[in-house]
Protein backbone atom coordinates (compact mmCIF):
# COMPACT_ATOMS: atom_id res chain seq x y z
CA MET A 1 95.83 88.38 101.67
CA SER A 2 95.07 91.99 101.16
CA GLY A 3 91.74 93.09 99.53
CA TYR A 4 93.41 94.63 96.57
CA LEU A 5 95.74 91.81 95.79
CA GLN A 6 93.11 89.19 96.50
CA GLU A 7 90.63 90.81 94.17
CA LEU A 8 93.19 91.27 91.42
CA THR A 9 94.48 87.63 91.76
CA LEU A 10 91.06 86.14 91.72
CA ARG A 11 90.14 88.20 88.66
CA LEU A 12 93.28 86.96 86.92
CA SER A 13 92.51 83.39 87.96
CA VAL A 14 89.09 83.59 86.27
CA GLY A 15 90.76 84.76 83.10
CA ALA A 16 93.53 82.19 83.31
CA SER A 17 91.02 79.36 83.56
CA ARG A 18 89.84 80.34 80.00
CA LEU A 19 93.30 79.83 78.58
CA SER A 20 94.07 76.54 76.91
CA PRO A 21 95.33 73.64 79.00
CA GLU A 22 98.44 73.38 76.73
CA PHE A 23 99.20 76.98 77.44
CA ARG A 24 98.88 76.57 81.20
CA SER A 25 100.85 73.39 81.47
CA ARG A 26 103.64 74.59 79.18
CA HIS A 27 104.41 77.69 81.17
CA ALA A 28 103.87 75.92 84.47
CA ASP A 29 106.38 73.32 83.52
CA TRP A 30 108.81 76.01 82.52
CA LEU A 31 108.35 77.80 85.86
CA ARG A 32 108.81 74.58 87.93
CA LEU A 33 112.14 73.98 86.19
CA ARG A 34 113.25 77.46 87.42
CA GLN A 35 112.90 76.48 91.11
CA ARG A 36 116.25 76.09 92.78
CA ASP A 37 117.49 73.56 95.34
CA ASP A 38 116.86 76.08 98.15
CA GLY A 39 113.20 76.25 97.17
CA GLY A 40 113.35 79.80 95.82
CA PHE A 41 113.33 81.28 92.35
CA ALA A 42 115.84 83.75 90.82
CA GLY A 43 116.03 86.28 88.05
CA ARG A 44 118.24 85.82 85.03
CA GLU A 45 121.32 85.93 87.26
CA GLY A 46 122.10 85.87 90.90
CA GLU A 47 120.64 83.83 93.77
CA SER A 48 117.10 83.04 94.70
CA ASP A 49 115.17 85.92 96.25
CA PRO A 50 111.66 86.66 97.47
CA TYR A 51 110.98 89.07 94.60
CA TYR A 52 111.25 86.43 91.88
CA SER A 53 109.85 83.67 94.16
CA SER A 54 106.66 85.71 94.64
CA PHE A 55 106.22 86.13 90.92
CA ALA A 56 106.77 82.50 90.26
CA LEU A 57 104.36 81.39 93.00
CA ARG A 58 101.75 83.87 91.85
CA THR A 59 101.94 82.71 88.28
CA LEU A 60 101.72 79.01 89.16
CA TRP A 61 98.67 79.73 91.26
CA LEU A 62 97.02 81.70 88.44
CA LEU A 63 97.67 78.72 86.11
CA GLY A 64 96.22 76.23 88.67
CA GLU A 65 99.64 74.53 88.84
CA LEU A 66 101.00 75.25 92.35
CA ASP A 67 101.60 71.72 93.49
CA PRO A 68 102.37 70.71 97.07
CA GLN A 69 105.96 69.91 96.46
CA THR A 70 106.69 73.28 94.88
CA ALA A 71 104.80 75.01 97.65
CA GLU A 72 106.52 73.20 100.57
CA ALA A 73 110.02 73.95 99.15
CA ALA A 74 109.16 77.61 98.53
CA GLY A 75 107.87 77.87 102.09
CA ILE A 76 111.20 76.60 103.49
CA PHE A 77 112.93 79.22 101.41
CA LEU A 78 110.69 82.12 102.49
CA ARG A 79 110.90 81.18 106.19
CA ARG A 80 114.69 81.25 106.02
CA ARG A 81 114.56 84.70 104.40
CA MET A 82 112.50 86.07 107.31
CA ARG A 83 115.78 86.07 109.28
CA GLN A 84 117.49 88.48 106.81
CA ARG A 85 117.19 92.25 106.49
CA ASP A 86 115.69 92.64 103.05
CA SER A 87 114.72 95.65 100.99
CA ILE A 88 111.11 96.77 101.13
CA VAL A 89 110.54 95.19 97.66
CA ASP A 90 111.83 91.88 98.81
CA LEU A 91 109.99 92.24 102.10
CA MET A 92 106.65 92.93 100.45
CA SER A 93 107.37 90.03 98.07
CA LEU A 94 108.00 87.73 100.97
CA ILE A 95 104.77 88.73 102.64
CA PHE A 96 102.78 88.29 99.48
CA GLY A 97 104.41 84.92 98.60
CA ALA A 98 103.65 83.73 102.15
CA ALA A 99 99.99 84.80 101.67
CA ILE A 100 99.80 82.88 98.39
CA LEU A 101 101.30 79.70 99.94
CA GLU A 102 98.91 79.80 102.95
CA MET A 103 95.82 80.47 100.91
CA ALA A 104 96.58 78.12 98.03
CA SER A 105 98.42 75.30 99.77
CA GLY A 106 98.03 75.70 103.52
CA VAL A 107 101.73 76.24 103.86
CA VAL A 108 102.34 78.72 106.75
CA VAL A 109 105.34 80.96 106.50
CA ILE A 110 104.38 83.86 108.86
CA SER A 111 102.70 82.63 111.99
CA ASP A 112 99.83 84.74 113.48
CA GLU A 113 101.75 84.61 116.78
CA ASP A 114 104.87 86.13 115.28
CA HIS A 115 104.08 89.65 116.54
CA GLN A 116 107.67 90.74 116.82
CA TRP A 117 108.35 90.20 113.13
CA ARG A 118 105.23 92.28 112.20
CA GLU A 119 106.28 95.02 114.57
CA ASN A 120 109.77 95.14 113.01
CA VAL A 121 108.19 95.44 109.53
CA ALA A 122 105.92 98.23 110.74
CA ALA A 123 108.97 100.03 112.17
CA LEU A 124 110.84 99.71 108.89
CA LEU A 125 107.87 101.20 106.98
CA ALA A 126 107.72 104.07 109.42
CA ASN A 127 111.39 104.81 108.72
CA LEU A 128 110.67 105.03 105.03
CA ARG A 129 107.98 107.69 105.50
CA THR A 130 109.03 111.12 104.08
CA ASP A 131 107.87 114.67 104.81
CA ASP A 132 105.94 114.89 101.57
CA GLY A 133 103.58 112.13 102.86
CA GLY A 134 104.95 109.29 100.64
CA PHE A 135 107.44 106.50 101.26
CA ALA A 136 111.11 106.49 100.09
CA LYS A 137 113.11 103.55 98.77
CA THR A 138 115.59 103.73 101.67
CA PRO A 139 115.45 105.28 105.18
CA GLU A 140 117.88 107.96 103.91
CA GLY A 141 115.51 109.04 101.19
CA ARG A 142 114.13 112.50 101.34
CA ALA A 143 111.39 112.32 98.77
CA GLY A 144 108.56 109.90 98.30
CA SER A 145 108.44 107.31 95.46
CA THR A 146 105.06 106.51 93.91
CA TYR A 147 105.94 102.87 93.45
CA GLN A 148 107.48 102.57 96.92
CA THR A 149 104.39 104.16 98.38
CA PHE A 150 102.20 101.55 96.72
CA LEU A 151 104.36 98.71 98.03
CA SER A 152 104.22 100.12 101.50
CA VAL A 153 100.46 100.51 101.45
CA LEU A 154 100.22 96.87 100.35
CA CYS A 155 102.55 95.75 103.13
CA TYR A 156 100.31 97.50 105.75
CA GLU A 157 97.23 95.80 104.33
CA LEU A 158 98.83 92.40 104.07
CA MET A 159 99.91 92.63 107.76
CA GLU A 160 96.40 94.02 108.64
CA VAL A 161 98.00 97.12 110.14
CA PRO A 162 96.34 100.55 109.58
CA VAL A 163 98.15 102.94 107.28
CA PRO A 164 99.29 106.03 109.32
CA ASP A 165 98.30 109.50 108.19
CA ILE A 166 96.21 108.60 105.11
CA ASP A 167 95.50 112.29 104.48
CA GLY A 168 99.24 112.90 103.99
CA LEU A 169 99.55 110.01 101.71
CA LEU A 170 96.62 111.18 99.60
CA ARG A 171 98.26 114.68 99.27
CA PHE A 172 101.44 112.99 98.13
CA LEU A 173 99.65 111.01 95.44
CA ALA A 174 97.84 114.16 94.27
CA SER A 175 101.18 115.98 93.96
CA GLN A 176 102.49 113.24 91.71
CA GLN A 177 99.74 113.64 89.12
CA GLN A 178 100.75 115.53 86.00
CA GLN A 179 98.64 117.64 83.68
CA ASP A 180 98.30 114.81 81.09
CA GLY A 181 96.56 112.67 83.79
CA GLY A 182 99.43 110.32 84.43
CA TYR A 183 101.56 110.13 87.55
CA ARG A 184 105.32 110.55 88.04
CA GLU A 185 107.53 108.29 90.01
CA ILE A 186 109.47 110.99 91.91
CA ARG A 187 108.99 114.70 92.18
CA VAL A 188 112.02 115.57 90.03
CA ALA A 189 110.73 113.42 87.14
CA LYS A 190 109.88 115.38 84.08
CA ARG A 191 107.08 113.21 82.75
CA ALA A 192 104.44 110.73 83.87
CA GLY A 193 104.84 106.97 83.31
CA VAL A 194 102.57 104.00 82.97
CA ASN A 195 104.02 102.11 85.96
CA PRO A 196 103.94 105.03 88.51
CA THR A 197 100.44 105.72 87.30
CA ALA A 198 99.43 102.17 87.97
CA ALA A 199 101.08 102.39 91.43
CA ALA A 200 99.17 105.54 92.23
CA ILE A 201 95.77 104.14 91.21
CA GLY A 202 96.59 100.91 93.02
CA SER A 203 97.38 102.81 96.17
CA LEU A 204 94.13 104.78 96.00
CA LYS A 205 92.11 101.57 95.35
CA THR A 206 93.86 99.77 98.28
CA LEU A 207 92.97 102.70 100.50
CA GLY A 208 89.39 102.75 99.34
CA ARG A 209 89.77 106.28 97.98
CA LEU A 210 89.67 105.61 94.19
CA ASP A 211 86.97 107.54 92.34
CA PRO A 212 87.23 106.61 88.60
CA ALA A 213 85.00 109.55 87.70
CA GLN A 214 87.81 111.88 88.81
CA GLN A 215 90.43 109.98 86.75
CA ALA A 216 89.17 110.66 83.23
CA ASP A 217 92.51 112.23 82.27
CA THR A 218 94.33 109.23 83.66
CA ILE A 219 92.35 106.91 81.51
CA GLU A 220 93.18 109.01 78.38
CA PHE A 221 96.88 109.04 79.31
CA LEU A 222 97.02 105.24 79.52
CA LEU A 223 95.06 104.74 76.28
CA GLU A 224 97.54 106.98 74.51
CA MET A 225 100.38 104.81 75.60
CA GLN A 226 99.27 101.89 73.43
CA SER A 227 101.71 101.83 70.62
CA ASP A 228 101.61 100.58 67.01
CA GLU A 229 103.01 97.28 68.35
CA GLY A 230 99.81 96.76 70.39
CA GLY A 231 101.47 96.90 73.73
CA LEU A 232 101.87 99.95 76.09
CA THR A 233 105.09 102.03 76.30
CA ALA A 234 106.55 103.02 79.63
CA ASN A 235 106.19 106.76 78.87
CA THR A 236 106.01 109.20 75.94
CA ARG A 237 109.73 109.12 75.34
CA ILE A 238 110.15 105.29 75.00
CA PRO A 239 109.70 104.23 71.37
CA PHE A 240 108.75 100.60 71.98
CA ALA A 241 106.20 98.72 74.11
CA ASP A 242 107.09 96.41 76.93
CA LEU A 243 105.12 93.65 78.70
CA LEU A 244 105.45 95.22 82.20
CA SER A 245 103.84 98.45 81.10
CA SER A 246 101.26 96.55 79.05
CA CYS A 247 100.27 94.50 82.08
CA THR A 248 100.12 97.32 84.61
CA GLY A 249 98.40 99.64 82.20
CA LEU A 250 95.69 97.14 81.47
CA ILE A 251 95.16 96.33 85.10
CA THR A 252 94.79 100.07 85.83
CA LEU A 253 92.34 100.65 82.91
CA VAL A 254 90.22 97.77 84.33
CA ASP A 255 90.42 99.30 87.88
CA LEU A 256 89.17 102.52 86.36
CA GLY A 257 86.32 100.82 84.55
CA ALA A 258 87.85 101.52 81.17
CA GLY A 259 89.17 98.11 80.22
CA SER A 260 86.86 97.89 77.23
CA ARG A 261 88.41 100.94 75.72
CA ILE A 262 91.82 99.36 75.05
CA ASP A 263 92.34 97.83 71.55
CA ALA A 264 92.26 94.37 73.14
CA PRO A 265 92.90 92.27 69.97
CA ARG A 266 96.10 94.25 69.30
CA LEU A 267 97.21 93.99 72.81
CA GLN A 268 96.62 90.20 72.86
CA ARG A 269 98.64 89.82 69.68
CA TYR A 270 101.46 91.71 71.28
CA ALA A 271 101.43 89.66 74.51
CA ASP A 272 101.27 86.43 72.50
CA SER A 273 104.35 87.59 70.53
CA MET A 274 106.31 87.82 73.77
CA GLN A 275 105.80 84.12 74.47
CA ARG A 276 108.58 81.56 73.94
CA GLU A 277 108.51 77.78 74.13
CA GLY A 278 108.41 78.35 77.89
CA GLY A 279 108.11 81.72 79.63
CA PHE A 280 107.84 85.24 78.25
CA VAL A 281 110.37 87.95 77.37
CA GLY A 282 109.85 91.57 78.25
CA PHE A 283 110.01 93.40 74.88
CA GLU A 284 110.63 92.83 71.23
CA LEU A 285 114.44 92.76 71.34
CA ASP A 286 114.63 90.78 74.48
CA GLN A 287 115.97 87.25 73.98
CA THR A 288 115.75 85.49 77.33
CA PRO A 289 112.42 84.72 79.21
CA ASP A 290 112.36 85.11 82.89
CA VAL A 291 110.04 84.54 85.84
CA GLU A 292 108.89 88.15 86.33
CA TYR A 293 107.94 88.74 82.59
CA THR A 294 106.20 85.32 82.55
CA PHE A 295 103.89 86.61 85.23
CA TYR A 296 103.24 89.83 83.26
CA GLY A 297 102.54 87.70 80.05
CA VAL A 298 100.24 85.30 81.82
CA ALA A 299 98.46 88.05 83.72
CA THR A 300 97.93 90.16 80.61
CA LEU A 301 96.49 87.33 78.51
CA SER A 302 94.37 86.18 81.55
CA LEU A 303 92.90 89.66 82.13
CA LEU A 304 92.11 90.03 78.49
CA GLN A 305 89.93 86.93 78.64
CA THR A 306 87.75 88.76 81.17
CA LEU A 307 87.12 91.55 78.62
CA ASP A 308 85.10 89.25 76.29
CA LEU A 309 87.31 89.68 73.22
């Protein structure tokens, strides 16, 4: 597993171990019921895919509840998906899900001898590279996406392949930073957002180029996104908090050495309020829990335990 993801996952695991056994078993049982006959996990609609499967496996691992039966079935699903042409998001999710299964359960999805598949992934990433130094969402894209760039960097690290032209990538990330310290998702965006900011900082950390001392404005930007609800909003124009922004914002503040500056009790109350009998919803008006937001809920509450509330 990549250094960035391994460090983050282990940090979250430490926090999750401090959550109550009842909390861990309740959400793990809910997640296991979401696994489909093909071994994968799906969103609120549609078929199983690597994206939601990765979130489910990651959450079960954090909770200490990734049992052999669940892992074996998920491994079968992911091996079958290797034969398909997936989006970069699904591809990265497949690679990460495979890394979780191998490290946590010894289930091998991607063999070390499968050089052809790795070469194909590297070729796909090369086709996503844009003239501005970033990575686009599709080979036809002309401008880099901050989030897509983060996913691509993680893919390279997960495959243990060097990232080409790091200087160009760093210039792209610098061009995405706005005056308020946050980062935008694409160059035509009018304002920074919490999630592209998290992607930019995550990219810098993965590349070993993150200097928290140079990100003081970014820290202030993220702190200002904490709303009256206690969670973080996606950007300055969104009037309500959401669990995704709350999770990625907190992770980023911790990466920048500023986790202690968030109002942690308020954030914990907000994350707790997104809990249902099983799983988490994404925001106040949301009614249906799903696999992805369950990860964000568990991750947020786990990381808060490491801040010594």
